[in-house]
Amino acid sequence: MKYYPIRMYLVNARQKLGFSQYRVALEMGVSHQHYNRIENGAIGEAIQFKTIVSLAYALNIPVQVIWEEEEKYQASLKMNSDDD
């Protein structure tokens, strides 16, 4: 089984609102499985801008904040791959 770094910024934002993954997925208009894969890092590459916008809406966070957090997440992926 492959380990995927979790997008903790999404987990924290979701939990702060008291939302389940199902609720966020519903707000975004995606399946629970798709949202789960985003949050849990199975979709590791940079997520699409439209997904960032949907996340911002669902989690009531400015797009800029999610964009910056995603950049940090992607940088951590690159650092981890450089260590391999």
PDB file of N, CA and C in Angstrom:
ATOM      1  N   MET A   1       0.838  -1.182   0.000  1.00  0.00           N
ATOM      2  CA  MET A   1       0.000   0.000   0.000  1.00  0.00           C
ATOM      3  C   MET A   1       0.878   1.239   0.000  1.00  0.00           C
ATOM      4  N   LYS A   2       0.563   2.181  -0.865  1.00  0.00           N
ATOM      5  CA  LYS A   2       1.353   3.393  -0.977  1.00  0.00           C
ATOM      6  C   LYS A   2       0.870   4.437   0.025  1.00  0.00           C
ATOM      7  N   TYR A   3       1.823   5.129   0.646  1.00  0.00           N
ATOM      8  CA  TYR A   3       1.506   6.193   1.600  1.00  0.00           C
ATOM      9  C   TYR A   3       1.335   7.498   0.845  1.00  0.00           C
ATOM     10  N   TYR A   4       0.287   8.220   1.175  1.00  0.00           N
ATOM     11  CA  TYR A   4       0.041   9.538   0.588  1.00  0.00           C
ATOM     12  C   TYR A   4       0.011  10.569   1.710  1.00  0.00           C
ATOM     13  N   PRO A   5       0.761  11.656   1.588  1.00  0.00           N
ATOM     14  CA  PRO A   5       0.665  12.714   2.604  1.00  0.00           C
ATOM     15  C   PRO A   5      -0.743  13.325   2.577  1.00  0.00           C
ATOM     16  N   ILE A   6      -1.309  13.531   3.732  1.00  0.00           N
ATOM     17  CA  ILE A   6      -2.663  14.080   3.842  1.00  0.00           C
ATOM     18  C   ILE A   6      -2.610  15.595   3.675  1.00  0.00           C
ATOM     19  N   ARG A   7      -3.610  16.127   2.995  1.00  0.00           N
ATOM     20  CA  ARG A   7      -3.745  17.584   2.896  1.00  0.00           C
ATOM     21  C   ARG A   7      -4.396  18.069   4.196  1.00  0.00           C
ATOM     22  N   MET A   8      -3.566  18.247   5.200  1.00  0.00           N
ATOM     23  CA  MET A   8      -4.079  18.596   6.528  1.00  0.00           C
ATOM     24  C   MET A   8      -4.818  19.920   6.537  1.00  0.00           C
ATOM     25  N   TYR A   9      -4.472  20.825   5.637  1.00  0.00           N
ATOM     26  CA  TYR A   9      -5.184  22.096   5.632  1.00  0.00           C
ATOM     27  C   TYR A   9      -6.658  21.887   5.303  1.00  0.00           C
ATOM     28  N   LEU A  10      -6.975  20.877   4.493  1.00  0.00           N
ATOM     29  CA  LEU A  10      -8.377  20.575   4.195  1.00  0.00           C
ATOM     30  C   LEU A  10      -9.052  19.894   5.376  1.00  0.00           C
ATOM     31  N   VAL A  11      -8.354  18.963   5.988  1.00  0.00           N
ATOM     32  CA  VAL A  11      -8.902  18.268   7.149  1.00  0.00           C
ATOM     33  C   VAL A  11      -9.221  19.280   8.247  1.00  0.00           C
ATOM     34  N   ASN A  12      -8.276  20.171   8.534  1.00  0.00           N
ATOM     35  CA  ASN A  12      -8.470  21.159   9.596  1.00  0.00           C
ATOM     36  C   ASN A  12      -9.627  22.099   9.286  1.00  0.00           C
ATOM     37  N   ALA A  13      -9.709  22.575   8.049  1.00  0.00           N
ATOM     38  CA  ALA A  13     -10.793  23.488   7.664  1.00  0.00           C
ATOM     39  C   ALA A  13     -12.144  22.794   7.769  1.00  0.00           C
ATOM     40  N   ARG A  14     -12.208  21.561   7.319  1.00  0.00           N
ATOM     41  CA  ARG A  14     -13.460  20.799   7.358  1.00  0.00           C
ATOM     42  C   ARG A  14     -13.882  20.545   8.799  1.00  0.00           C
ATOM     43  N   GLN A  15     -12.958  20.122   9.625  1.00  0.00           N
ATOM     44  CA  GLN A  15     -13.279  19.818  11.019  1.00  0.00           C
ATOM     45  C   GLN A  15     -13.659  21.080  11.798  1.00  0.00           C
ATOM     46  N   LYS A  16     -13.027  22.191  11.476  1.00  0.00           N
ATOM     47  CA  LYS A  16     -13.355  23.457  12.142  1.00  0.00           C
ATOM     48  C   LYS A  16     -14.822  23.827  11.914  1.00  0.00           C
ATOM     49  N   LEU A  17     -15.337  23.492  10.732  1.00  0.00           N
ATOM     50  CA  LEU A  17     -16.740  23.758  10.420  1.00  0.00           C
ATOM     51  C   LEU A  17     -17.673  22.668  10.946  1.00  0.00           C
ATOM     52  N   GLY A  18     -17.086  21.575  11.399  1.00  0.00           N
ATOM     53  CA  GLY A  18     -17.898  20.456  11.873  1.00  0.00           C
ATOM     54  C   GLY A  18     -18.514  19.661  10.734  1.00  0.00           C
ATOM     55  N   PHE A  19     -17.901  19.733   9.559  1.00  0.00           N
ATOM     56  CA  PHE A  19     -18.408  19.046   8.367  1.00  0.00           C
ATOM     57  C   PHE A  19     -17.777  17.668   8.233  1.00  0.00           C
ATOM     58  N   SER A  20     -18.538  16.748   7.694  1.00  0.00           N
ATOM     59  CA  SER A  20     -18.004  15.443   7.311  1.00  0.00           C
ATOM     60  C   SER A  20     -17.459  15.551   5.890  1.00  0.00           C
ATOM     61  N   GLN A  21     -16.712  14.546   5.480  1.00  0.00           N
ATOM     62  CA  GLN A  21     -16.264  14.510   4.087  1.00  0.00           C
ATOM     63  C   GLN A  21     -17.472  14.450   3.151  1.00  0.00           C
ATOM     64  N   TYR A  22     -18.511  13.762   3.574  1.00  0.00           N
ATOM     65  CA  TYR A  22     -19.722  13.673   2.743  1.00  0.00           C
ATOM     66  C   TYR A  22     -20.332  15.052   2.511  1.00  0.00           C
ATOM     67  N   ARG A  23     -20.370  15.854   3.565  1.00  0.00           N
ATOM     68  CA  ARG A  23     -20.961  17.195   3.451  1.00  0.00           C
ATOM     69  C   ARG A  23     -20.150  18.061   2.499  1.00  0.00           C
ATOM     70  N   VAL A  24     -18.842  18.047   2.631  1.00  0.00           N
ATOM     71  CA  VAL A  24     -17.988  18.847   1.744  1.00  0.00           C
ATOM     72  C   VAL A  24     -18.159  18.379   0.300  1.00  0.00           C
ATOM     73  N   ALA A  25     -18.167  17.076   0.090  1.00  0.00           N
ATOM     74  CA  ALA A  25     -18.352  16.531  -1.265  1.00  0.00           C
ATOM     75  C   ALA A  25     -19.674  16.994  -1.855  1.00  0.00           C
ATOM     76  N   LEU A  26     -20.729  16.962  -1.064  1.00  0.00           N
ATOM     77  CA  LEU A  26     -22.046  17.397  -1.526  1.00  0.00           C
ATOM     78  C   LEU A  26     -22.016  18.871  -1.901  1.00  0.00           C
ATOM     79  N   GLU A  27     -21.410  19.692  -1.056  1.00  0.00           N
ATOM     80  CA  GLU A  27     -21.295  21.130  -1.332  1.00  0.00           C
ATOM     81  C   GLU A  27     -20.489  21.397  -2.608  1.00  0.00           C
ATOM     82  N   MET A  28     -19.488  20.552  -2.853  1.00  0.00           N
ATOM     83  CA  MET A  28     -18.633  20.712  -4.041  1.00  0.00           C
ATOM     84  C   MET A  28     -19.264  20.155  -5.301  1.00  0.00           C
ATOM     85  N   GLY A  29     -20.220  19.248  -5.133  1.00  0.00           N
ATOM     86  CA  GLY A  29     -20.816  18.601  -6.295  1.00  0.00           C
ATOM     87  C   GLY A  29     -19.978  17.455  -6.833  1.00  0.00           C
ATOM     88  N   VAL A  30     -19.230  16.801  -5.932  1.00  0.00           N
ATOM     89  CA  VAL A  30     -18.417  15.645  -6.322  1.00  0.00           C
ATOM     90  C   VAL A  30     -18.808  14.467  -5.429  1.00  0.00           C
ATOM     91  N   SER A  31     -18.356  13.295  -5.777  1.00  0.00           N
ATOM     92  CA  SER A  31     -18.638  12.124  -4.948  1.00  0.00           C
ATOM     93  C   SER A  31     -17.786  12.165  -3.684  1.00  0.00           C
ATOM     94  N   HIS A  32     -18.265  11.465  -2.665  1.00  0.00           N
ATOM     95  CA  HIS A  32     -17.491  11.346  -1.437  1.00  0.00           C
ATOM     96  C   HIS A  32     -16.128  10.729  -1.715  1.00  0.00           C
ATOM     97  N   GLN A  33     -16.103   9.727  -2.580  1.00  0.00           N
ATOM     98  CA  GLN A  33     -14.846   9.051  -2.896  1.00  0.00           C
ATOM     99  C   GLN A  33     -13.839  10.016  -3.516  1.00  0.00           C
ATOM    100  N   HIS A  34     -14.338  10.887  -4.409  1.00  0.00           N
ATOM    101  CA  HIS A  34     -13.431  11.848  -5.055  1.00  0.00           C
ATOM    102  C   HIS A  34     -12.873  12.825  -4.017  1.00  0.00           C
ATOM    103  N   TYR A  35     -13.750  13.345  -3.167  1.00  0.00           N
ATOM    104  CA  TYR A  35     -13.259  14.268  -2.138  1.00  0.00           C
ATOM    105  C   TYR A  35     -12.275  13.571  -1.209  1.00  0.00           C
ATOM    106  N   ASN A  36     -12.589  12.354  -0.817  1.00  0.00           N
ATOM    107  CA  ASN A  36     -11.702  11.588   0.051  1.00  0.00           C
ATOM    108  C   ASN A  36     -10.320  11.443  -0.578  1.00  0.00           C
ATOM    109  N   ARG A  37     -10.287  11.186  -1.873  1.00  0.00           N
ATOM    110  CA  ARG A  37      -9.001  11.040  -2.576  1.00  0.00           C
ATOM    111  C   ARG A  37      -8.229  12.349  -2.602  1.00  0.00           C
ATOM    112  N   ILE A  38      -8.931  13.473  -2.715  1.00  0.00           N
ATOM    113  CA  ILE A  38      -8.258  14.778  -2.677  1.00  0.00           C
ATOM    114  C   ILE A  38      -7.660  15.002  -1.293  1.00  0.00           C
ATOM    115  N   GLU A  39      -8.510  14.890  -0.276  1.00  0.00           N
ATOM    116  CA  GLU A  39      -8.080  15.184   1.097  1.00  0.00           C
ATOM    117  C   GLU A  39      -6.966  14.250   1.546  1.00  0.00           C
ATOM    118  N   ASN A  40      -7.071  12.989   1.187  1.00  0.00           N
ATOM    119  CA  ASN A  40      -6.099  12.006   1.649  1.00  0.00           C
ATOM    120  C   ASN A  40      -4.882  11.860   0.753  1.00  0.00           C
ATOM    121  N   GLY A  41      -4.762  12.719  -0.249  1.00  0.00           N
ATOM    122  CA  GLY A  41      -3.550  12.769  -1.040  1.00  0.00           C
ATOM    123  C   GLY A  41      -3.432  11.749  -2.148  1.00  0.00           C
ATOM    124  N   ALA A  42      -4.459  10.904  -2.344  1.00  0.00           N
ATOM    125  CA  ALA A  42      -4.389   9.929  -3.434  1.00  0.00           C
ATOM    126  C   ALA A  42      -4.361  10.644  -4.782  1.00  0.00           C
ATOM    127  N   ILE A  43      -4.948  11.826  -4.819  1.00  0.00           N
ATOM    128  CA  ILE A  43      -4.786  12.708  -5.978  1.00  0.00           C
ATOM    129  C   ILE A  43      -3.696  13.678  -5.561  1.00  0.00           C
ATOM    130  N   GLY A  44      -2.467  13.309  -5.829  1.00  0.00           N
ATOM    131  CA  GLY A  44      -1.325  14.049  -5.309  1.00  0.00           C
ATOM    132  C   GLY A  44      -0.892  15.214  -6.154  1.00  0.00           C
ATOM    133  N   GLU A  45      -1.148  15.124  -7.447  1.00  0.00           N
ATOM    134  CA  GLU A  45      -0.729  16.215  -8.312  1.00  0.00           C
ATOM    135  C   GLU A  45      -1.551  17.452  -7.969  1.00  0.00           C
ATOM    136  N   ALA A  46      -1.099  18.581  -8.470  1.00  0.00           N
ATOM    137  CA  ALA A  46      -1.831  19.826  -8.234  1.00  0.00           C
ATOM    138  C   ALA A  46      -3.278  19.660  -8.679  1.00  0.00           C
ATOM    139  N   ILE A  47      -4.181  20.070  -7.817  1.00  0.00           N
ATOM    140  CA  ILE A  47      -5.590  19.953  -8.155  1.00  0.00           C
ATOM    141  C   ILE A  47      -5.983  21.098  -9.085  1.00  0.00           C
ATOM    142  N   GLN A  48      -7.018  20.878  -9.852  1.00  0.00           N
ATOM    143  CA  GLN A  48      -7.454  21.866 -10.833  1.00  0.00           C
ATOM    144  C   GLN A  48      -7.987  23.109 -10.131  1.00  0.00           C
ATOM    145  N   PHE A  49      -7.895  24.241 -10.829  1.00  0.00           N
ATOM    146  CA  PHE A  49      -8.357  25.500 -10.266  1.00  0.00           C
ATOM    147  C   PHE A  49      -9.841  25.438  -9.928  1.00  0.00           C
ATOM    148  N   LYS A  50     -10.631  24.799 -10.788  1.00  0.00           N
ATOM    149  CA  LYS A  50     -12.068  24.718 -10.508  1.00  0.00           C
ATOM    150  C   LYS A  50     -12.331  23.931  -9.230  1.00  0.00           C
ATOM    151  N   THR A  51     -11.468  22.974  -8.917  1.00  0.00           N
ATOM    152  CA  THR A  51     -11.597  22.223  -7.669  1.00  0.00           C
ATOM    153  C   THR A  51     -11.255  23.118  -6.486  1.00  0.00           C
ATOM    154  N   ILE A  52     -10.243  23.948  -6.634  1.00  0.00           N
ATOM    155  CA  ILE A  52      -9.881  24.893  -5.571  1.00  0.00           C
ATOM    156  C   ILE A  52     -11.036  25.855  -5.308  1.00  0.00           C
ATOM    157  N   VAL A  53     -11.676  26.331  -6.373  1.00  0.00           N
ATOM    158  CA  VAL A  53     -12.822  27.230  -6.220  1.00  0.00           C
ATOM    159  C   VAL A  53     -13.957  26.514  -5.496  1.00  0.00           C
ATOM    160  N   SER A  54     -14.228  25.268  -5.873  1.00  0.00           N
ATOM    161  CA  SER A  54     -15.277  24.490  -5.213  1.00  0.00           C
ATOM    162  C   SER A  54     -14.957  24.256  -3.746  1.00  0.00           C
ATOM    163  N   LEU A  55     -13.700  23.963  -3.453  1.00  0.00           N
ATOM    164  CA  LEU A  55     -13.278  23.791  -2.067  1.00  0.00           C
ATOM    165  C   LEU A  55     -13.468  25.077  -1.274  1.00  0.00           C
ATOM    166  N   ALA A  56     -13.079  26.190  -1.869  1.00  0.00           N
ATOM    167  CA  ALA A  56     -13.221  27.488  -1.206  1.00  0.00           C
ATOM    168  C   ALA A  56     -14.679  27.755  -0.862  1.00  0.00           C
ATOM    169  N   TYR A  57     -15.558  27.481  -1.784  1.00  0.00           N
ATOM    170  CA  TYR A  57     -16.987  27.675  -1.549  1.00  0.00           C
ATOM    171  C   TYR A  57     -17.488  26.745  -0.446  1.00  0.00           C
ATOM    172  N   ALA A  58     -17.158  25.476  -0.549  1.00  0.00           N
ATOM    173  CA  ALA A  58     -17.664  24.474   0.397  1.00  0.00           C
ATOM    174  C   ALA A  58     -17.141  24.701   1.811  1.00  0.00           C
ATOM    175  N   LEU A  59     -15.901  25.158   1.924  1.00  0.00           N
ATOM    176  CA  LEU A  59     -15.276  25.327   3.232  1.00  0.00           C
ATOM    177  C   LEU A  59     -15.294  26.773   3.717  1.00  0.00           C
ATOM    178  N   ASN A  60     -15.901  27.656   2.910  1.00  0.00           N
ATOM    179  CA  ASN A  60     -16.014  29.067   3.267  1.00  0.00           C
ATOM    180  C   ASN A  60     -14.644  29.691   3.563  1.00  0.00           C
ATOM    181  N   ILE A  61     -13.717  29.441   2.650  1.00  0.00           N
ATOM    182  CA  ILE A  61     -12.342  29.943   2.753  1.00  0.00           C
ATOM    183  C   ILE A  61     -12.031  30.693   1.463  1.00  0.00           C
ATOM    184  N   PRO A  62     -11.349  31.829   1.533  1.00  0.00           N
ATOM    185  CA  PRO A  62     -10.979  32.526   0.305  1.00  0.00           C
ATOM    186  C   PRO A  62     -10.126  31.630  -0.616  1.00  0.00           C
ATOM    187  N   VAL A  63     -10.364  31.753  -1.912  1.00  0.00           N
ATOM    188  CA  VAL A  63      -9.623  30.968  -2.896  1.00  0.00           C
ATOM    189  C   VAL A  63      -8.118  31.157  -2.698  1.00  0.00           C
ATOM    190  N   GLN A  64      -7.688  32.370  -2.438  1.00  0.00           N
ATOM    191  CA  GLN A  64      -6.263  32.665  -2.266  1.00  0.00           C
ATOM    192  C   GLN A  64      -5.642  31.831  -1.147  1.00  0.00           C
ATOM    193  N   VAL A  65      -6.386  31.640  -0.066  1.00  0.00           N
ATOM    194  CA  VAL A  65      -5.873  30.864   1.067  1.00  0.00           C
ATOM    195  C   VAL A  65      -5.682  29.402   0.666  1.00  0.00           C
ATOM    196  N   ILE A  66      -6.676  28.841  -0.009  1.00  0.00           N
ATOM    197  CA  ILE A  66      -6.547  27.445  -0.447  1.00  0.00           C
ATOM    198  C   ILE A  66      -5.420  27.323  -1.465  1.00  0.00           C
ATOM    199  N   TRP A  67      -5.309  28.278  -2.370  1.00  0.00           N
ATOM    200  CA  TRP A  67      -4.235  28.275  -3.371  1.00  0.00           C
ATOM    201  C   TRP A  67      -2.872  28.238  -2.681  1.00  0.00           C
ATOM    202  N   GLU A  68      -2.686  29.104  -1.672  1.00  0.00           N
ATOM    203  CA  GLU A  68      -1.404  29.156  -0.960  1.00  0.00           C
ATOM    204  C   GLU A  68      -1.135  27.861  -0.198  1.00  0.00           C
ATOM    205  N   GLU A  69      -2.166  27.313   0.435  1.00  0.00           N
ATOM    206  CA  GLU A  69      -1.990  26.049   1.155  1.00  0.00           C
ATOM    207  C   GLU A  69      -1.666  24.909   0.195  1.00  0.00           C
ATOM    208  N   GLU A  70      -2.295  24.920  -0.964  1.00  0.00           N
ATOM    209  CA  GLU A  70      -2.002  23.874  -1.956  1.00  0.00           C
ATOM    210  C   GLU A  70      -0.573  24.004  -2.470  1.00  0.00           C
ATOM    211  N   GLU A  71      -0.085  25.230  -2.643  1.00  0.00           N
ATOM    212  CA  GLU A  71       1.309  25.419  -3.058  1.00  0.00           C
ATOM    213  C   GLU A  71       2.264  24.840  -2.017  1.00  0.00           C
ATOM    214  N   LYS A  72       1.963  25.059  -0.732  1.00  0.00           N
ATOM    215  CA  LYS A  72       2.798  24.486   0.336  1.00  0.00           C
ATOM    216  C   LYS A  72       2.749  22.962   0.287  1.00  0.00           C
ATOM    217  N   TYR A  73       1.549  22.421   0.091  1.00  0.00           N
ATOM    218  CA  TYR A  73       1.386  20.969   0.012  1.00  0.00           C
ATOM    219  C   TYR A  73       2.200  20.405  -1.151  1.00  0.00           C
ATOM    220  N   GLN A  74       2.110  21.036  -2.307  1.00  0.00           N
ATOM    221  CA  GLN A  74       2.850  20.560  -3.473  1.00  0.00           C
ATOM    222  C   GLN A  74       4.360  20.653  -3.242  1.00  0.00           C
ATOM    223  N   ALA A  75       4.806  21.712  -2.563  1.00  0.00           N
ATOM    224  CA  ALA A  75       6.237  21.840  -2.250  1.00  0.00           C
ATOM    225  C   ALA A  75       6.690  20.710  -1.331  1.00  0.00           C
ATOM    226  N   SER A  76       5.822  20.325  -0.371  1.00  0.00           N
ATOM    227  CA  SER A  76       6.186  19.224   0.522  1.00  0.00           C
ATOM    228  C   SER A  76       6.274  17.909  -0.236  1.00  0.00           C
ATOM    229  N   LEU A  77       5.400  17.721  -1.232  1.00  0.00           N
ATOM    230  CA  LEU A  77       5.485  16.515  -2.057  1.00  0.00           C
ATOM    231  C   LEU A  77       6.804  16.474  -2.808  1.00  0.00           C
ATOM    232  N   LYS A  78       7.205  17.620  -3.351  1.00  0.00           N
ATOM    233  CA  LYS A  78       8.456  17.687  -4.106  1.00  0.00           C
ATOM    234  C   LYS A  78       9.643  17.401  -3.196  1.00  0.00           C
ATOM    235  N   MET A  79       9.608  17.954  -1.990  1.00  0.00           N
ATOM    236  CA  MET A  79      10.713  17.710  -1.045  1.00  0.00           C
ATOM    237  C   MET A  79      10.783  16.236  -0.688  1.00  0.00           C
ATOM    238  N   ASN A  80       9.637  15.604  -0.487  1.00  0.00           N
ATOM    239  CA  ASN A  80       9.627  14.184  -0.149  1.00  0.00           C
ATOM    240  C   ASN A  80      10.133  13.325  -1.299  1.00  0.00           C
ATOM    241  N   SER A  81       9.800  13.709  -2.529  1.00  0.00           N
ATOM    242  CA  SER A  81      10.256  12.928  -3.682  1.00  0.00           C
ATOM    243  C   SER A  81      11.748  13.122  -3.919  1.00  0.00           C
ATOM    244  N   ASP A  82      12.267  14.301  -3.555  1.00  0.00           N
ATOM    245  CA  ASP A  82      13.711  14.553  -3.687  1.00  0.00           C
ATOM    246  C   ASP A  82      14.507  13.734  -2.678  1.00  0.00           C
ATOM    247  N   ASP A  83      13.870  13.402  -1.551  1.00  0.00           N
ATOM    248  CA  ASP A  83      14.540  12.616  -0.514  1.00  0.00           C
ATOM    249  C   ASP A  83      14.636  11.145  -0.889  1.00  0.00           C
ATOM    250  N   ASP A  84      13.804  10.690  -1.815  1.00  0.00           N
ATOM    251  CA  ASP A  84      13.781   9.263  -2.200  1.00  0.00           C
ATOM    252  C   ASP A  84      14.961   8.864  -3.043  1.00  0.00           C
TER     253      ASP A  84
END
